[in-house]
Protein backbone atom coordinates (compact mmCIF):
# COMPACT_ATOMS: atom_id res chain seq x y z
CA MET A 1 0.00 0.00 0.00
CA ARG A 2 1.27 3.48 -0.86
CA ASN A 3 2.47 5.52 2.11
CA ALA A 4 -0.19 8.20 2.54
CA GLY A 5 2.05 10.27 4.81
CA ARG A 6 3.47 10.00 8.32
CA ILE A 7 1.16 11.11 11.11
CA VAL A 8 2.26 11.66 14.70
CA LEU A 9 -0.31 11.26 17.48
CA ALA A 10 0.49 13.02 20.77
CA THR A 11 -1.19 12.10 24.04
CA GLY A 12 -0.55 11.62 27.74
CA GLY A 13 -2.28 10.48 30.89
CA SER A 14 -3.84 7.14 31.81
CA LEU A 15 -4.86 4.16 29.68
CA GLY A 16 -8.14 5.95 29.03
CA ASP A 17 -6.10 8.62 27.21
CA LEU A 18 -3.85 6.14 25.39
CA HIS A 19 -6.26 3.47 24.14
CA PRO A 20 -8.32 5.70 21.82
CA PHE A 21 -5.09 6.92 20.23
CA ILE A 22 -3.93 3.36 19.62
CA ALA A 23 -7.31 2.66 17.98
CA LEU A 24 -6.96 5.80 15.87
CA GLY A 25 -3.36 4.96 14.98
CA ARG A 26 -4.31 1.50 13.76
CA ALA A 27 -7.17 2.95 11.69
CA LEU A 28 -4.83 5.46 10.09
CA GLN A 29 -2.29 2.71 9.47
CA ALA A 30 -4.97 0.62 7.74
CA ARG A 31 -5.51 3.58 5.39
CA GLY A 32 -1.87 3.66 4.33
CA HIS A 33 -0.38 6.12 6.81
CA GLU A 34 2.82 5.60 8.75
CA VAL A 35 1.83 6.25 12.37
CA GLY A 36 3.72 6.95 15.57
CA ILE A 37 2.45 7.82 19.04
CA ALA A 38 4.36 10.43 21.04
CA THR A 39 3.92 9.94 24.76
CA ALA A 40 5.67 8.86 27.97
CA ILE A 41 8.07 5.93 27.87
CA ASP A 42 5.78 3.98 30.22
CA TYR A 43 3.64 3.06 27.20
CA GLN A 44 6.36 2.10 24.73
CA PRO A 45 5.85 -1.71 25.02
CA LYS A 46 2.08 -1.44 24.54
CA ILE A 47 2.34 0.90 21.56
CA GLU A 48 4.96 -1.17 19.79
CA ALA A 49 3.05 -4.40 20.47
CA ALA A 50 0.08 -2.78 18.74
CA GLY A 51 2.23 -2.35 15.62
CA LEU A 52 2.76 1.42 15.89
CA ALA A 53 5.94 3.45 16.17
CA PHE A 54 6.77 4.97 19.56
CA HIS A 55 8.25 8.43 20.15
CA GLN A 56 9.31 9.38 23.65
CA VAL A 57 7.83 12.74 24.61
CA GLY A 58 7.08 14.07 28.07
CA PRO A 59 7.89 12.80 31.55
CA SER A 60 7.34 9.25 32.74
CA VAL A 61 5.40 8.45 35.90
CA ALA A 62 8.74 7.76 37.59
CA ASP A 63 9.96 11.22 36.55
CA LEU A 64 6.86 12.86 38.01
CA MET A 65 7.21 10.91 41.25
CA GLN A 66 10.86 11.90 41.56
CA ASP A 67 10.22 15.56 40.72
CA THR A 68 7.31 15.93 43.13
CA GLY A 69 8.58 13.64 45.88
CA LEU A 70 5.23 11.81 45.84
CA ASP A 71 4.57 8.11 45.50
CA LEU A 72 1.97 6.96 42.96
CA PRO A 73 -1.05 6.98 45.32
CA SER A 74 -0.11 10.43 46.65
CA LEU A 75 0.45 11.77 43.13
CA THR A 76 -2.94 10.44 41.98
CA ALA A 77 -4.62 11.88 45.07
CA ALA A 78 -3.06 15.31 44.43
CA ILE A 79 -4.37 15.28 40.85
CA ALA A 80 -7.81 14.25 42.13
CA ARG A 81 -7.88 17.13 44.62
CA SER A 82 -6.91 19.98 42.35
CA ASP A 83 -6.84 20.91 38.67
CA ARG A 84 -4.38 23.61 39.72
CA PHE A 85 -1.93 20.89 40.69
CA LEU A 86 -2.46 19.07 37.37
CA PHE A 87 -1.95 22.16 35.23
CA GLY A 88 0.17 24.40 37.44
CA GLU A 89 2.51 21.81 38.92
CA LEU A 90 2.61 18.96 36.40
CA LEU A 91 1.66 19.95 32.84
CA LEU A 92 2.74 23.55 32.28
CA PRO A 93 6.19 23.43 33.94
CA ARG A 94 7.08 20.53 31.61
CA ALA A 95 5.22 21.70 28.52
CA GLY A 96 8.16 23.59 27.02
CA LYS A 97 10.47 20.58 27.07
CA ALA A 98 7.69 18.33 25.76
CA ALA A 99 6.93 20.80 22.93
CA ARG A 100 10.59 20.78 21.84
CA GLU A 101 10.67 16.99 21.93
CA LEU A 102 7.51 16.88 19.84
CA ILE A 103 8.94 19.37 17.33
CA GLY A 104 11.86 16.99 16.92
CA VAL A 105 9.80 13.85 16.29
CA THR A 106 7.35 15.59 13.93
CA GLN A 107 10.04 16.77 11.51
CA GLY A 108 8.91 15.55 8.08
CA ALA A 109 5.45 14.45 9.24
CA ALA A 110 2.32 15.03 7.16
CA ALA A 111 0.12 15.98 10.15
CA ILE A 112 0.04 16.16 13.94
CA VAL A 113 -2.87 14.89 16.02
CA GLY A 114 -2.90 15.85 19.70
CA SER A 115 -5.15 15.31 22.68
CA THR A 116 -6.46 18.47 24.31
CA LEU A 117 -3.87 18.07 27.09
CA ALA A 118 -0.95 17.65 24.63
CA ILE A 119 -0.20 21.37 24.81
CA GLY A 120 2.82 21.19 22.51
CA ALA A 121 0.97 19.56 19.59
CA GLN A 122 -0.41 22.81 18.16
CA MET A 123 2.95 24.51 18.67
CA ALA A 124 4.79 21.78 16.78
CA ALA A 125 2.26 22.01 13.96
CA GLU A 126 2.80 25.76 13.70
CA VAL A 127 6.60 25.44 13.78
CA HIS A 128 6.55 22.93 10.91
CA ARG A 129 3.49 24.49 9.20
CA LEU A 130 1.69 21.17 9.28
CA PRO A 131 -2.03 20.34 9.45
CA SER A 132 -3.12 19.95 13.06
CA VAL A 133 -5.94 17.94 14.59
CA ALA A 134 -7.13 18.29 18.19
CA VAL A 135 -8.89 15.37 19.87
CA SER A 136 -11.24 15.61 22.85
CA LEU A 137 -11.79 12.26 24.52
CA GLN A 138 -14.74 13.33 26.67
CA PRO A 139 -17.55 15.92 26.59
CA THR A 140 -16.07 17.66 29.65
CA MET A 141 -13.29 19.15 27.52
CA VAL A 142 -15.77 20.75 25.12
CA PHE A 143 -17.66 22.71 27.82
CA SER A 144 -20.73 23.74 25.85
CA ARG A 145 -22.97 26.45 27.30
CA PHE A 146 -25.98 24.34 26.29
CA ASP A 147 -24.59 21.07 27.68
CA PRO A 148 -21.97 21.98 30.30
CA PRO A 149 -20.12 19.36 32.32
CA LEU A 150 -21.19 18.49 35.83
CA LEU A 151 -18.39 19.75 38.08
CA PRO A 152 -18.08 19.28 41.85
CA ILE A 153 -17.13 22.96 42.19
CA ALA A 154 -20.16 24.07 40.13
CA PRO A 155 -22.97 21.58 40.77
CA TRP A 156 -25.56 24.06 39.50
CA LEU A 157 -24.46 23.62 35.88
CA GLN A 158 -27.18 21.86 33.88
CA PRO A 159 -28.14 21.33 30.23
CA ALA A 160 -30.37 24.18 29.07
CA PRO A 161 -31.72 25.41 25.73
CA GLY A 162 -32.34 28.89 27.14
CA GLY A 163 -33.79 30.80 30.07
CA PRO A 164 -32.26 31.46 33.53
CA GLN A 165 -30.29 28.20 33.56
CA LEU A 166 -28.49 29.13 30.34
CA TRP A 167 -27.69 32.53 31.84
CA LEU A 168 -26.25 30.78 34.90
CA ASN A 169 -24.21 28.47 32.66
CA ASP A 170 -22.81 31.47 30.78
CA LEU A 171 -21.94 33.29 34.01
CA THR A 172 -20.15 30.21 35.33
CA ARG A 173 -18.23 29.75 32.08
CA SER A 174 -17.12 33.38 32.19
CA ALA A 175 -15.90 32.97 35.76
CA GLY A 176 -14.09 29.76 34.81
CA ARG A 177 -12.44 31.40 31.82
CA LEU A 178 -11.25 34.23 34.05
CA SER A 179 -9.88 31.92 36.74
CA THR A 180 -7.95 29.80 34.22
CA SER A 181 -6.64 32.73 32.14
CA ARG A 182 -3.49 32.75 34.29
CA TRP A 183 -2.35 29.65 32.40
CA THR A 184 -2.25 31.56 29.10
CA ARG A 185 0.88 33.48 30.14
CA PRO A 186 3.16 30.42 30.62
CA VAL A 187 1.83 28.93 27.37
CA ASN A 188 2.70 32.14 25.52
CA ALA A 189 6.15 32.19 27.13
CA ILE A 190 6.77 28.77 25.57
CA ARG A 191 5.40 29.98 22.24
CA ALA A 192 7.72 33.02 22.34
CA SER A 193 10.73 30.77 23.01
CA LEU A 194 9.82 28.84 19.85
CA GLY A 195 9.44 31.97 17.73
CA LEU A 196 5.63 31.74 17.64
CA ALA A 197 3.18 34.60 18.06
CA PRO A 198 1.17 34.76 21.30
CA SER A 199 -2.21 33.07 21.42
CA ARG A 200 -5.36 34.28 23.11
CA ASP A 201 -6.71 30.74 23.45
CA ASN A 202 -7.62 29.54 26.93
CA ILE A 203 -6.20 26.02 27.25
CA ILE A 204 -9.43 24.81 28.88
CA PHE A 205 -12.24 26.70 27.15
CA ASP A 206 -10.64 27.11 23.72
CA ALA A 207 -9.00 23.69 23.43
CA GLY A 208 -8.82 22.69 19.77
CA ARG A 209 -10.14 25.93 18.29
CA SER A 210 -6.84 26.82 16.62
CA ALA A 211 -6.45 23.40 15.01
CA ASP A 212 -7.42 22.74 11.40
CA LEU A 213 -9.76 20.01 12.63
CA SER A 214 -11.14 19.22 16.09
CA LEU A 215 -12.80 15.90 16.86
CA GLY A 216 -14.74 14.45 19.79
CA LEU A 217 -13.60 10.83 20.00
CA TYR A 218 -16.50 9.71 22.20
CA SER A 219 -20.05 8.53 21.72
CA PRO A 220 -22.48 11.24 20.58
CA LEU A 221 -24.97 9.58 22.92
CA LEU A 222 -22.88 10.97 25.78
CA GLY A 223 -22.54 14.41 24.23
CA PRO A 224 -23.69 15.32 20.72
CA ARG A 225 -22.24 18.32 18.92
CA GLN A 226 -23.85 21.47 20.29
CA ALA A 227 -24.88 24.65 18.48
CA ASP A 228 -22.07 26.65 20.15
CA ALA A 229 -19.31 24.26 19.05
CA ALA A 230 -16.39 25.64 17.06
CA PRO A 231 -16.86 25.36 13.27
CA ASN A 232 -13.94 22.91 13.06
CA PHE A 233 -15.42 20.51 15.65
CA ASP A 234 -17.50 17.36 15.34
CA VAL A 235 -18.21 14.27 17.44
CA VAL A 236 -17.31 11.09 15.55
CA GLY A 237 -17.87 8.30 18.09
CA TYR A 238 -15.98 6.07 20.47
CA ALA A 239 -12.61 4.68 19.38
CA ALA A 240 -12.45 1.25 21.00
CA TYR A 241 -9.21 -0.48 21.94
CA ASP A 242 -8.84 -2.95 24.77
CA SER A 243 -5.61 -4.78 25.50
CA GLU A 244 -3.27 -4.89 28.48
CA THR A 245 -0.11 -5.55 26.49
CA GLY A 246 -1.01 -4.12 23.09
CA ALA A 247 -1.13 -7.62 21.63
CA GLY A 248 -4.10 -10.00 21.32
CA THR A 249 -7.03 -9.81 23.72
CA ALA A 250 -8.04 -12.66 26.03
CA LEU A 251 -9.35 -13.09 29.56
CA PRO A 252 -6.96 -14.49 32.19
CA GLU A 253 -7.38 -18.24 32.42
CA ALA A 254 -8.53 -18.21 36.05
CA LEU A 255 -11.12 -15.53 35.31
CA GLU A 256 -12.41 -17.41 32.27
CA ALA A 257 -12.87 -20.52 34.40
CA PHE A 258 -14.65 -18.49 37.12
CA LEU A 259 -17.08 -16.96 34.64
CA GLY A 260 -17.93 -20.35 33.22
CA ALA A 261 -18.57 -21.90 36.63
CA GLY A 262 -21.64 -19.92 37.69
CA PRO A 263 -24.11 -17.08 37.07
CA PRO A 264 -22.94 -13.66 35.83
CA PRO A 265 -21.04 -11.77 38.54
CA ILE A 266 -20.98 -8.12 39.50
CA VAL A 267 -17.76 -6.54 38.24
CA PHE A 268 -16.01 -3.93 40.39
CA THR A 269 -13.18 -1.88 38.86
CA LEU A 270 -11.45 1.48 39.29
CA GLY A 271 -9.79 1.70 35.88
CA SER A 272 -6.10 2.59 35.59
CA ALA A 273 -5.86 5.87 37.55
CA ALA A 274 -8.38 5.82 40.43
CA VAL A 275 -7.18 2.28 41.19
CA ASN A 276 -4.14 3.95 42.76
CA ILE A 277 -6.38 5.55 45.42
CA PRO A 278 -8.93 2.79 46.13
CA GLY A 279 -9.54 3.51 49.81
CA ASP A 280 -12.14 0.99 50.99
CA PHE A 281 -13.66 0.48 47.53
CA TYR A 282 -12.80 -3.21 47.20
CA VAL A 283 -13.55 -4.10 50.82
CA GLU A 284 -16.97 -2.43 50.65
CA SER A 285 -17.59 -3.94 47.20
CA LEU A 286 -16.93 -7.41 48.56
CA LYS A 287 -19.33 -6.81 51.44
CA ALA A 288 -22.00 -5.51 49.04
CA ALA A 289 -21.72 -8.58 46.82
CA ARG A 290 -22.13 -10.83 49.85
CA LEU A 291 -25.18 -8.86 51.01
CA LEU A 292 -26.69 -9.42 47.56
CA LYS A 293 -25.58 -13.08 47.55
CA ARG A 294 -23.98 -12.48 44.17
CA ARG A 295 -20.68 -13.60 42.72
CA ALA A 296 -18.13 -10.85 42.11
CA VAL A 297 -15.07 -9.98 40.07
CA LEU A 298 -12.67 -7.45 41.60
CA LEU A 299 -10.14 -5.83 39.26
CA VAL A 300 -7.63 -4.40 41.72
CA GLY A 301 -4.84 -3.18 39.43
CA PRO A 302 -1.18 -4.19 39.29
CA TYR A 303 -0.45 -3.01 42.84
CA GLY A 304 -3.76 -4.00 44.46
CA ASP A 305 -4.42 -6.58 47.16
CA GLN A 306 -4.82 -9.88 45.33
CA HIS A 307 -5.86 -11.55 48.59
CA VAL A 308 -8.69 -9.18 49.53
CA ALA A 309 -11.30 -11.95 49.04
CA LYS A 310 -9.36 -14.50 51.12
CA ASP A 311 -10.01 -17.42 48.76
CA ASP A 312 -13.78 -16.90 48.67
CA PRO A 313 -14.98 -19.26 45.88
CA ASP A 314 -17.65 -16.74 44.84
CA VAL A 315 -15.09 -14.01 44.16
CA CYS A 316 -12.40 -13.74 41.50
CA VAL A 317 -9.66 -11.16 42.01
CA ALA A 318 -7.49 -10.09 39.08
CA ALA A 319 -5.15 -7.21 38.31
CA TYR A 320 -6.64 -6.54 34.88
CA ALA A 321 -9.07 -7.95 32.34
CA PRO A 322 -10.17 -6.64 28.92
CA TYR A 323 -13.45 -4.87 29.59
CA SER A 324 -14.79 -5.70 26.14
CA LEU A 325 -14.68 -9.40 27.02
CA LEU A 326 -15.59 -9.19 30.70
CA PHE A 327 -18.39 -6.62 30.94
CA PRO A 328 -20.85 -8.38 28.59
CA ARG A 329 -20.65 -11.42 30.86
CA ALA A 330 -21.42 -9.42 34.02
CA ALA A 331 -24.74 -8.85 35.76
CA ALA A 332 -23.76 -5.24 36.49
CA VAL A 333 -20.63 -3.10 36.42
CA VAL A 334 -19.47 -0.82 39.23
CA HIS A 335 -16.69 1.56 38.25
CA GLN A 336 -15.01 4.95 38.65
CA GLY A 337 -16.44 6.66 35.58
CA GLY A 338 -13.38 7.07 33.37
CA ILE A 339 -14.52 7.78 29.83
CA GLY A 340 -13.08 4.55 28.44
CA THR A 341 -14.67 2.46 31.18
CA VAL A 342 -18.01 4.21 30.71
CA GLN A 343 -18.05 3.52 26.99
CA GLN A 344 -17.04 -0.12 27.39
CA ALA A 345 -19.82 -0.51 29.96
CA LEU A 346 -22.31 1.16 27.60
CA ALA A 347 -21.26 -1.22 24.82
CA SER A 348 -21.77 -4.21 27.12
CA GLY A 349 -25.47 -3.50 27.62
CA ARG A 350 -25.15 -3.94 31.39
CA PRO A 351 -26.40 -1.48 34.02
CA GLN A 352 -23.63 0.47 35.70
CA LEU A 353 -23.10 2.12 39.06
CA VAL A 354 -20.60 4.96 38.70
CA VAL A 355 -18.50 6.11 41.67
CA PRO A 356 -16.55 9.19 40.46
CA HIS A 357 -13.11 9.83 41.92
CA LEU A 358 -11.48 12.57 39.83
CA GLY A 359 -11.50 14.78 36.74
CA ASP A 360 -14.14 14.14 34.11
CA GLN A 361 -15.60 11.17 36.00
CA PHE A 362 -18.27 13.27 37.73
CA ASP A 363 -19.59 14.53 34.41
CA ASN A 364 -19.36 11.10 32.78
CA ALA A 365 -21.42 9.67 35.66
CA ALA A 366 -24.11 12.31 35.18
CA ARG A 367 -24.33 11.48 31.48
CA VAL A 368 -24.72 7.76 32.19
CA VAL A 369 -27.63 8.56 34.52
CA ARG A 370 -29.11 10.92 31.94
CA LEU A 371 -28.97 8.14 29.35
CA GLY A 372 -30.93 5.89 31.70
CA CYS A 373 -28.19 3.24 31.78
CA GLY A 374 -27.12 3.45 35.40
CA LEU A 375 -26.90 5.23 38.72
CA THR A 376 -24.18 7.15 40.53
CA LEU A 377 -22.98 7.09 44.11
CA ALA A 378 -20.63 9.60 45.73
CA ARG A 379 -17.30 8.18 46.82
CA HIS A 380 -17.77 9.25 50.45
CA ARG A 381 -21.08 7.33 50.52
CA TYR A 382 -19.58 4.14 49.11
CA ARG A 383 -20.54 1.73 51.90
CA ALA A 384 -21.69 -1.85 51.51
CA MET A 385 -25.36 -1.30 52.35
CA ALA A 386 -25.71 1.74 50.06
CA VAL A 387 -23.87 -0.06 47.26
CA ALA A 388 -26.04 -3.17 47.63
CA ASP A 389 -29.19 -1.03 47.59
CA GLN A 390 -28.13 0.74 44.38
CA ILE A 391 -27.08 -2.43 42.59
CA GLY A 392 -30.20 -4.24 43.69
CA ALA A 393 -32.38 -1.41 42.42
CA MET A 394 -30.65 -1.43 39.03
CA MET A 395 -30.99 -5.15 38.55
CA ILE A 396 -34.77 -5.12 39.01
CA ASP A 397 -35.37 -1.95 37.00
CA ALA A 398 -36.84 -3.32 33.77
CA ARG A 399 -36.75 0.07 32.07
CA MET A 400 -33.05 0.55 32.85
CA LEU A 401 -32.14 -2.96 31.76
CA THR A 402 -33.94 -2.47 28.45
CA ARG A 403 -32.46 0.97 27.95
CA ALA A 404 -28.93 -0.36 28.56
CA GLU A 405 -29.41 -2.97 25.84
CA VAL A 406 -30.80 -0.43 23.38
CA VAL A 407 -27.94 1.99 23.97
CA ALA A 408 -25.43 -0.85 23.63
CA GLY A 409 -26.73 -1.62 20.17
CA SER A 410 -26.01 1.94 19.07
CA VAL A 411 -22.60 2.19 20.75
CA ARG A 412 -21.41 -1.07 19.19
CA CYS A 413 -22.12 0.38 15.74
CA GLU A 414 -19.86 3.38 16.32
CA ASP A 415 -16.46 3.49 14.64
CA GLY A 416 -14.92 6.65 15.99
CA ALA A 417 -11.42 5.58 15.02
CA GLY A 418 -12.44 4.91 11.42
CA GLN A 419 -14.47 8.12 11.13
CA ALA A 420 -11.62 10.17 12.58
CA ALA A 421 -9.05 8.48 10.35
CA ASP A 422 -11.10 9.27 7.25
CA ARG A 423 -11.37 12.95 8.21
CA ILE A 424 -7.69 13.22 9.09
CA GLY A 425 -6.74 11.56 5.81
CA ALA A 426 -8.95 14.00 3.90
CA LEU A 427 -7.30 16.92 5.72
CA VAL A 428 -3.83 15.64 4.84
CA ARG A 429 -4.76 15.32 1.19
CA LEU A 430 -6.32 18.79 1.16
CA LYS A 431 -3.22 20.39 2.67
CA GLN A 432 -0.69 18.60 0.47
CA PRO A 433 1.17 20.95 -1.90
CA ALA A 434 -0.22 20.91 -5.42
């Protein structure tokens, strides 16, 4: 197949930030592009196992732990407590170095595709005068006035077509833009050091507006394109990818045997970030399953307590399992609300109880409830009796069970990676010199 041009994808964060980019990279590769992913070295084995090139850009988790003096749980907890820590202490102080690294690896590329938190992607595109694509992985990053995200610091935000609620949404957005404008100065300092003109874009509220193309790589059922979206923006659907190693997907042997030995279990998981700050989640989950007299699967992460169930034959504990294979075989799914976990749960057709821990998870939980596919429970209220009550209510709610199956049918038909790859390919062809 003819090489349709080299495309560099830039991302960072947890597996929920990486997996959609692997899916997108493979879709672009299938269309004849040479594809590399620029991110932290932690993900090199997974990216290369998926058949994509790896470019080291940005700090590793070990670097962040060393620089901050925090262990992984403490680092995750600090991110959960404050966006100011995420942007002011982690991202922006390292953005200049990451931008220069990205400029190096994108030399000779045909286009650059960056997540909304890959601050250097747009700068690299401008330095090389390349087409740029911005990718939002969740509705939270779009922040529409008509469909604003649910935020713990602004619980009054609600979808509104007009009236007093829309006025309140606008007032809150204006206050948010003002409070985050301080981050424009360090971004412009980096731009000046690269010989670029200053930008007036707010890195939160204007994310993606300066790109040639801006895409929402999530299900439009969670957040369709709104009337106030930027002209270059569209929502193209979920980009599914689900593998621990980057290679083939299969359930662990012990888990496969457990699933085949009895009725569908309740699955409890905290994804790949919140799993570092589980608190009593797994202990209370185990108690709730026993109250319900249901079998359970606990996905405790690579550093979790594998012996939390103490050899209970009705419980299977594993570090990781591909959600796309596990969730459809569950009775219900209880999780943290990461966007990747939410969309895998939606695709499974199973009811879900969402327990938000950080970031966009609060908004994702609200959208699951709005869809009629699950319930949400605050982390501080996550106790066995409350959990059992919520799960029990979901599992006898005929309307919710039916709705979950209907939504699953739609989500399974989405091909966000393919749709995005087609649009990126069209942009590359349009921008090629005559």
